N, C-alpha and C. Protein backbone atom coordinates (compact mmCIF):
# COMPACT_ATOMS: atom_id res chain seq x y z
N UNK A 1 0.85 -1.18 0.00
CA UNK A 1 0.00 0.00 0.00
C UNK A 1 0.89 1.24 0.00
N UNK A 2 0.47 2.25 -0.78
CA UNK A 2 1.16 3.53 -0.82
C UNK A 2 0.16 4.61 -0.47
N UNK A 3 0.56 5.54 0.38
CA UNK A 3 -0.27 6.69 0.74
C UNK A 3 0.49 7.94 0.33
N UNK A 4 -0.17 8.81 -0.42
CA UNK A 4 0.42 10.07 -0.86
C UNK A 4 -0.41 11.21 -0.31
N UNK A 5 0.20 12.12 0.43
CA UNK A 5 -0.50 13.29 0.94
C UNK A 5 -0.58 14.33 -0.16
N UNK A 6 -1.80 14.75 -0.50
CA UNK A 6 -2.01 15.74 -1.56
C UNK A 6 -1.99 17.16 -1.02
N UNK A 7 -2.53 17.36 0.18
CA UNK A 7 -2.51 18.68 0.80
C UNK A 7 -2.80 18.53 2.29
N UNK A 8 -2.33 19.50 3.06
CA UNK A 8 -2.64 19.57 4.48
C UNK A 8 -2.96 21.03 4.78
N UNK A 9 -4.04 21.25 5.53
CA UNK A 9 -4.42 22.61 5.90
C UNK A 9 -4.87 22.63 7.35
N UNK A 10 -4.78 23.79 7.98
CA UNK A 10 -5.37 23.95 9.29
C UNK A 10 -6.88 23.81 9.13
N UNK A 11 -7.56 23.16 10.06
CA UNK A 11 -9.00 23.00 9.90
C UNK A 11 -9.70 24.35 9.74
N UNK A 12 -10.44 24.51 8.64
CA UNK A 12 -11.18 25.76 8.44
C UNK A 12 -12.46 25.74 9.27
N UNK A 13 -13.17 26.84 9.28
CA UNK A 13 -14.46 26.89 9.97
C UNK A 13 -15.43 25.96 9.25
N UNK A 14 -16.00 25.06 10.01
CA UNK A 14 -16.99 24.15 9.46
C UNK A 14 -18.35 24.57 10.00
N UNK A 15 -19.30 24.89 9.13
CA UNK A 15 -20.62 25.32 9.60
C UNK A 15 -21.28 24.26 10.48
N UNK A 16 -21.95 24.70 11.55
CA UNK A 16 -22.70 23.78 12.40
C UNK A 16 -23.72 23.03 11.56
N UNK A 17 -23.81 21.75 11.77
CA UNK A 17 -24.79 20.93 11.05
C UNK A 17 -24.49 20.75 9.58
N UNK A 18 -23.24 21.01 9.17
CA UNK A 18 -22.88 20.95 7.75
C UNK A 18 -23.19 19.59 7.15
N UNK A 19 -23.54 19.61 5.87
CA UNK A 19 -23.62 18.36 5.13
C UNK A 19 -22.52 18.40 4.07
N UNK A 20 -22.08 17.24 3.65
CA UNK A 20 -20.96 17.14 2.73
C UNK A 20 -21.47 16.74 1.35
N UNK A 21 -20.93 17.41 0.34
CA UNK A 21 -21.29 17.14 -1.05
C UNK A 21 -20.00 17.01 -1.86
N UNK A 22 -19.89 15.95 -2.65
CA UNK A 22 -18.75 15.79 -3.55
C UNK A 22 -19.28 15.78 -4.96
N UNK A 23 -18.67 16.63 -5.81
CA UNK A 23 -19.11 16.75 -7.20
C UNK A 23 -17.90 16.65 -8.13
N UNK A 24 -18.17 16.38 -9.40
CA UNK A 24 -17.17 16.45 -10.45
C UNK A 24 -17.62 17.54 -11.40
N UNK A 25 -16.70 18.47 -11.70
CA UNK A 25 -16.98 19.59 -12.60
C UNK A 25 -16.14 19.40 -13.85
N UNK A 26 -16.74 19.63 -15.02
CA UNK A 26 -15.99 19.58 -16.27
C UNK A 26 -16.28 20.84 -17.07
N UNK A 27 -15.23 21.54 -17.49
CA UNK A 27 -15.36 22.71 -18.35
C UNK A 27 -14.72 22.39 -19.69
N UNK A 28 -15.38 22.72 -20.81
CA UNK A 28 -14.81 22.45 -22.12
C UNK A 28 -13.58 23.34 -22.39
N UNK A 29 -12.84 23.03 -23.44
CA UNK A 29 -11.67 23.82 -23.77
C UNK A 29 -11.98 25.33 -23.83
N UNK A 30 -11.12 26.12 -23.19
CA UNK A 30 -11.24 27.58 -23.22
C UNK A 30 -12.34 28.17 -22.37
N UNK A 31 -13.11 27.37 -21.67
CA UNK A 31 -14.24 27.87 -20.87
C UNK A 31 -13.74 28.73 -19.70
N UNK A 32 -14.40 29.87 -19.46
CA UNK A 32 -14.02 30.69 -18.32
C UNK A 32 -14.47 30.06 -16.99
N UNK A 33 -15.31 29.04 -17.05
CA UNK A 33 -15.75 28.36 -15.83
C UNK A 33 -16.92 29.06 -15.17
N UNK A 34 -17.11 28.76 -13.90
CA UNK A 34 -18.21 29.32 -13.13
C UNK A 34 -17.94 30.80 -12.88
N UNK A 35 -18.95 31.67 -13.03
CA UNK A 35 -18.74 33.09 -12.71
C UNK A 35 -18.34 33.25 -11.23
N UNK A 36 -17.79 34.41 -10.86
CA UNK A 36 -17.38 34.62 -9.47
C UNK A 36 -18.50 34.25 -8.49
N UNK A 37 -18.09 33.53 -7.44
CA UNK A 37 -19.07 32.98 -6.50
C UNK A 37 -18.43 32.76 -5.14
N UNK A 38 -19.25 32.32 -4.20
CA UNK A 38 -18.78 31.90 -2.89
C UNK A 38 -19.43 30.57 -2.54
N UNK A 39 -18.83 29.90 -1.58
CA UNK A 39 -19.39 28.67 -1.03
C UNK A 39 -19.71 28.93 0.44
N UNK A 40 -20.76 28.29 0.94
CA UNK A 40 -21.18 28.53 2.32
C UNK A 40 -20.24 27.91 3.35
N UNK A 41 -19.42 26.98 2.93
CA UNK A 41 -18.43 26.36 3.81
C UNK A 41 -17.19 26.02 3.02
N UNK A 42 -16.20 25.41 3.66
CA UNK A 42 -14.95 25.10 2.98
C UNK A 42 -15.14 24.07 1.86
N UNK A 43 -14.24 24.13 0.89
CA UNK A 43 -14.27 23.22 -0.26
C UNK A 43 -12.86 22.72 -0.52
N UNK A 44 -12.75 21.43 -0.82
CA UNK A 44 -11.47 20.79 -1.09
C UNK A 44 -11.56 20.09 -2.43
N UNK A 45 -10.56 20.32 -3.29
CA UNK A 45 -10.65 19.78 -4.64
C UNK A 45 -9.37 19.15 -5.14
N UNK A 46 -9.51 18.49 -6.30
CA UNK A 46 -8.41 17.78 -6.93
C UNK A 46 -8.63 17.81 -8.44
N UNK A 47 -7.62 18.20 -9.19
CA UNK A 47 -7.71 18.26 -10.65
C UNK A 47 -7.49 16.86 -11.22
N UNK A 48 -8.52 16.36 -11.90
CA UNK A 48 -8.48 15.02 -12.49
C UNK A 48 -7.85 15.01 -13.87
N UNK A 49 -8.09 16.09 -14.65
CA UNK A 49 -7.62 16.16 -16.04
C UNK A 49 -7.48 17.62 -16.43
N UNK A 50 -6.43 17.94 -17.17
CA UNK A 50 -6.27 19.28 -17.72
C UNK A 50 -5.63 20.27 -16.76
N UNK A 51 -5.92 21.54 -17.02
CA UNK A 51 -5.35 22.65 -16.25
C UNK A 51 -6.44 23.65 -15.91
N UNK A 52 -6.53 24.03 -14.66
CA UNK A 52 -7.56 24.96 -14.19
C UNK A 52 -6.91 26.26 -13.72
N UNK A 53 -7.50 27.38 -14.12
CA UNK A 53 -7.11 28.68 -13.57
C UNK A 53 -7.90 28.82 -12.27
N UNK A 54 -7.19 28.96 -11.17
CA UNK A 54 -7.81 29.01 -9.84
C UNK A 54 -7.46 30.34 -9.19
N UNK A 55 -8.48 31.08 -8.80
CA UNK A 55 -8.23 32.37 -8.15
C UNK A 55 -9.22 32.57 -7.02
N UNK A 56 -8.67 32.79 -5.84
CA UNK A 56 -9.45 33.16 -4.66
C UNK A 56 -9.14 34.60 -4.31
N UNK A 57 -10.09 35.26 -3.72
CA UNK A 57 -9.90 36.62 -3.26
C UNK A 57 -8.70 36.67 -2.32
N UNK A 58 -7.85 37.68 -2.55
CA UNK A 58 -6.67 37.88 -1.72
C UNK A 58 -5.46 37.09 -2.16
N UNK A 59 -5.59 36.28 -3.22
CA UNK A 59 -4.48 35.49 -3.74
C UNK A 59 -4.33 35.74 -5.24
N UNK A 60 -3.12 35.65 -5.75
CA UNK A 60 -2.97 35.78 -7.20
C UNK A 60 -3.54 34.54 -7.89
N UNK A 61 -4.01 34.70 -9.12
CA UNK A 61 -4.47 33.52 -9.87
C UNK A 61 -3.30 32.57 -10.09
N UNK A 62 -3.60 31.30 -10.15
CA UNK A 62 -2.57 30.30 -10.43
C UNK A 62 -3.17 29.20 -11.30
N UNK A 63 -2.32 28.49 -11.98
CA UNK A 63 -2.75 27.40 -12.83
C UNK A 63 -2.48 26.10 -12.09
N UNK A 64 -3.53 25.31 -11.90
CA UNK A 64 -3.41 24.00 -11.28
C UNK A 64 -3.45 22.94 -12.37
N UNK A 65 -2.60 21.95 -12.23
CA UNK A 65 -2.47 20.90 -13.24
C UNK A 65 -3.03 19.59 -12.72
N UNK A 66 -3.27 18.69 -13.65
CA UNK A 66 -3.74 17.34 -13.31
C UNK A 66 -2.92 16.78 -12.15
N UNK A 67 -3.61 16.26 -11.14
CA UNK A 67 -2.92 15.67 -9.99
C UNK A 67 -2.67 16.64 -8.84
N UNK A 68 -3.04 17.92 -9.00
CA UNK A 68 -2.83 18.88 -7.92
C UNK A 68 -4.13 19.11 -7.14
N UNK A 69 -3.97 19.36 -5.85
CA UNK A 69 -5.09 19.59 -4.96
C UNK A 69 -5.23 21.08 -4.66
N UNK A 70 -6.44 21.49 -4.26
CA UNK A 70 -6.69 22.88 -3.88
C UNK A 70 -7.76 22.91 -2.80
N UNK A 71 -7.90 24.05 -2.15
CA UNK A 71 -8.97 24.21 -1.17
C UNK A 71 -9.30 25.68 -1.05
N UNK A 72 -10.47 25.96 -0.51
CA UNK A 72 -10.87 27.33 -0.21
C UNK A 72 -11.68 27.33 1.07
N UNK A 73 -11.61 28.44 1.83
CA UNK A 73 -12.25 28.45 3.14
C UNK A 73 -13.77 28.61 3.10
N UNK A 74 -14.32 29.11 2.00
CA UNK A 74 -15.76 29.37 1.95
C UNK A 74 -16.11 30.63 2.72
N UNK A 75 -17.38 30.80 3.02
CA UNK A 75 -17.82 31.99 3.75
C UNK A 75 -17.82 33.21 2.85
N UNK A 76 -17.19 34.29 3.31
CA UNK A 76 -17.21 35.56 2.59
C UNK A 76 -16.21 35.64 1.44
N UNK A 77 -15.29 34.71 1.35
CA UNK A 77 -14.23 34.75 0.34
C UNK A 77 -14.81 34.48 -1.05
N UNK A 78 -14.48 35.37 -2.00
CA UNK A 78 -14.94 35.20 -3.38
C UNK A 78 -14.01 34.24 -4.13
N UNK A 79 -14.61 33.28 -4.80
CA UNK A 79 -13.88 32.38 -5.68
C UNK A 79 -14.06 32.96 -7.09
N UNK A 80 -13.04 33.66 -7.59
CA UNK A 80 -13.15 34.37 -8.86
C UNK A 80 -13.10 33.47 -10.08
N UNK A 81 -12.22 32.45 -10.05
CA UNK A 81 -12.02 31.66 -11.26
C UNK A 81 -11.86 30.18 -10.95
N UNK A 82 -12.43 29.36 -11.83
CA UNK A 82 -12.16 27.92 -11.86
C UNK A 82 -12.18 27.47 -13.32
N UNK A 83 -11.78 28.36 -14.21
CA UNK A 83 -11.89 28.11 -15.64
C UNK A 83 -10.82 27.20 -16.20
N UNK A 84 -11.05 26.80 -17.45
CA UNK A 84 -10.11 25.94 -18.16
C UNK A 84 -8.99 26.79 -18.73
N UNK A 85 -7.77 26.49 -18.34
CA UNK A 85 -6.60 27.22 -18.81
C UNK A 85 -6.22 26.82 -20.24
N UNK A 86 -6.68 25.66 -20.68
CA UNK A 86 -6.31 25.14 -21.99
C UNK A 86 -7.42 25.35 -23.00
N UNK A 87 -7.03 25.55 -24.26
CA UNK A 87 -8.01 25.68 -25.35
C UNK A 87 -8.10 24.42 -26.19
N UNK A 88 -7.31 23.41 -25.83
CA UNK A 88 -7.26 22.19 -26.64
C UNK A 88 -7.75 20.94 -25.91
N UNK A 89 -8.20 21.08 -24.67
CA UNK A 89 -8.68 19.92 -23.92
C UNK A 89 -9.57 20.37 -22.77
N UNK A 90 -10.47 19.52 -22.31
CA UNK A 90 -11.31 19.89 -21.18
C UNK A 90 -10.52 19.87 -19.87
N UNK A 91 -11.08 20.49 -18.85
CA UNK A 91 -10.55 20.35 -17.50
C UNK A 91 -11.64 19.67 -16.67
N UNK A 92 -11.25 18.71 -15.85
CA UNK A 92 -12.17 18.01 -14.95
C UNK A 92 -11.56 18.05 -13.56
N UNK A 93 -12.38 18.39 -12.58
CA UNK A 93 -11.91 18.37 -11.20
C UNK A 93 -13.04 17.96 -10.28
N UNK A 94 -12.66 17.41 -9.15
CA UNK A 94 -13.63 17.01 -8.15
C UNK A 94 -13.52 17.97 -6.97
N UNK A 95 -14.65 18.24 -6.33
CA UNK A 95 -14.68 19.15 -5.18
C UNK A 95 -15.58 18.52 -4.11
N UNK A 96 -15.09 18.50 -2.88
CA UNK A 96 -15.88 18.09 -1.73
C UNK A 96 -16.13 19.34 -0.90
N UNK A 97 -17.41 19.66 -0.69
CA UNK A 97 -17.80 20.88 0.01
C UNK A 97 -18.53 20.54 1.30
N UNK A 98 -18.23 21.30 2.34
CA UNK A 98 -18.95 21.20 3.60
C UNK A 98 -19.94 22.34 3.62
N UNK A 99 -21.17 22.05 3.29
CA UNK A 99 -22.20 23.07 3.05
C UNK A 99 -22.96 23.44 4.32
N UNK A 100 -23.26 24.72 4.44
CA UNK A 100 -24.06 25.20 5.55
C UNK A 100 -25.52 24.83 5.31
N UNK A 101 -26.18 24.25 6.32
CA UNK A 101 -27.58 23.84 6.14
C UNK A 101 -28.47 25.02 5.76
N UNK A 102 -29.40 24.77 4.83
CA UNK A 102 -30.36 25.79 4.43
C UNK A 102 -29.81 26.85 3.49
N UNK A 103 -28.54 26.75 3.11
CA UNK A 103 -27.95 27.70 2.16
C UNK A 103 -27.45 26.94 0.95
N UNK A 104 -27.52 27.59 -0.22
CA UNK A 104 -27.00 26.91 -1.42
C UNK A 104 -25.50 26.67 -1.29
N UNK A 105 -25.02 25.63 -1.94
CA UNK A 105 -23.59 25.36 -1.89
C UNK A 105 -22.79 26.38 -2.69
N UNK A 106 -23.43 27.10 -3.60
CA UNK A 106 -22.75 28.09 -4.43
C UNK A 106 -23.69 29.28 -4.61
N UNK A 107 -23.15 30.48 -4.38
CA UNK A 107 -23.90 31.72 -4.58
C UNK A 107 -23.09 32.63 -5.48
N UNK A 108 -23.66 33.07 -6.60
CA UNK A 108 -22.96 33.99 -7.50
C UNK A 108 -22.83 35.36 -6.85
N UNK A 109 -21.75 36.07 -7.18
CA UNK A 109 -21.48 37.41 -6.66
C UNK A 109 -21.88 38.41 -7.73
N UNK A 110 -22.66 39.44 -7.36
CA UNK A 110 -23.14 40.39 -8.37
C UNK A 110 -22.06 41.40 -8.76
N UNK A 111 -22.31 42.07 -9.89
CA UNK A 111 -21.34 43.01 -10.46
C UNK A 111 -21.00 44.16 -9.52
N UNK A 112 -21.99 44.65 -8.77
CA UNK A 112 -21.74 45.76 -7.84
C UNK A 112 -20.73 45.36 -6.77
N UNK A 113 -20.90 44.19 -6.19
CA UNK A 113 -19.95 43.74 -5.17
C UNK A 113 -18.57 43.48 -5.78
N UNK A 114 -18.54 42.91 -6.97
CA UNK A 114 -17.25 42.69 -7.64
C UNK A 114 -16.52 44.01 -7.85
N UNK A 115 -17.24 45.06 -8.24
CA UNK A 115 -16.63 46.37 -8.44
C UNK A 115 -16.10 46.93 -7.12
N UNK A 116 -16.85 46.76 -6.04
CA UNK A 116 -16.42 47.26 -4.73
C UNK A 116 -15.17 46.55 -4.23
N UNK A 117 -14.99 45.30 -4.60
CA UNK A 117 -13.86 44.51 -4.11
C UNK A 117 -12.79 44.29 -5.18
N UNK A 118 -12.85 45.05 -6.27
CA UNK A 118 -11.94 44.85 -7.41
C UNK A 118 -10.47 44.96 -7.01
N UNK A 119 -10.16 45.76 -6.02
CA UNK A 119 -8.77 45.95 -5.61
C UNK A 119 -8.15 44.65 -5.06
N UNK A 120 -8.95 43.65 -4.77
CA UNK A 120 -8.46 42.38 -4.23
C UNK A 120 -8.08 41.37 -5.31
N UNK A 121 -8.28 41.72 -6.58
CA UNK A 121 -8.02 40.79 -7.68
C UNK A 121 -6.63 40.93 -8.24
N UNK A 122 -6.15 39.84 -8.87
CA UNK A 122 -4.86 39.83 -9.54
C UNK A 122 -5.05 39.74 -11.04
N UNK A 123 -3.97 39.52 -11.76
CA UNK A 123 -4.01 39.38 -13.22
C UNK A 123 -4.34 37.95 -13.60
N UNK A 124 -5.06 37.77 -14.71
CA UNK A 124 -5.40 36.44 -15.23
C UNK A 124 -4.20 35.93 -16.04
N UNK A 125 -3.75 34.68 -15.76
CA UNK A 125 -2.64 34.15 -16.57
C UNK A 125 -3.07 34.00 -18.03
N UNK A 126 -2.12 34.17 -18.95
CA UNK A 126 -2.44 33.99 -20.36
C UNK A 126 -2.60 32.50 -20.67
N UNK A 127 -3.44 32.21 -21.65
CA UNK A 127 -3.68 30.82 -22.05
C UNK A 127 -2.62 30.38 -23.05
N UNK A 128 -2.29 29.07 -23.04
CA UNK A 128 -1.29 28.59 -24.00
C UNK A 128 -1.83 28.63 -25.41
């Protein structure tokens, strides 16, 4: 048996009574992905195929490759990008979310709030 640690983080805030949801997301080549959003609780993910542009509020965007793990704390933090960095292949990733009861697992952020918090964003990496 072999065990490989993909990531370790300090335990984030877990909503009381949270339920857990695991999903697989696939974006076609060149897709910008889900519009800016938040999650009601922490989310942990793993890139199954391709390359994803990943950007959280307060961090520069980065490109995650197949086999890399990621996480986000949820709550008030905006998840700006989860798009496909490649134009020649899809990106597939799995995400396990600890969702707050009675709240959607994903809430889109409106343009007004994005404008108010624009100073927290970085540059988007160029696509190959």
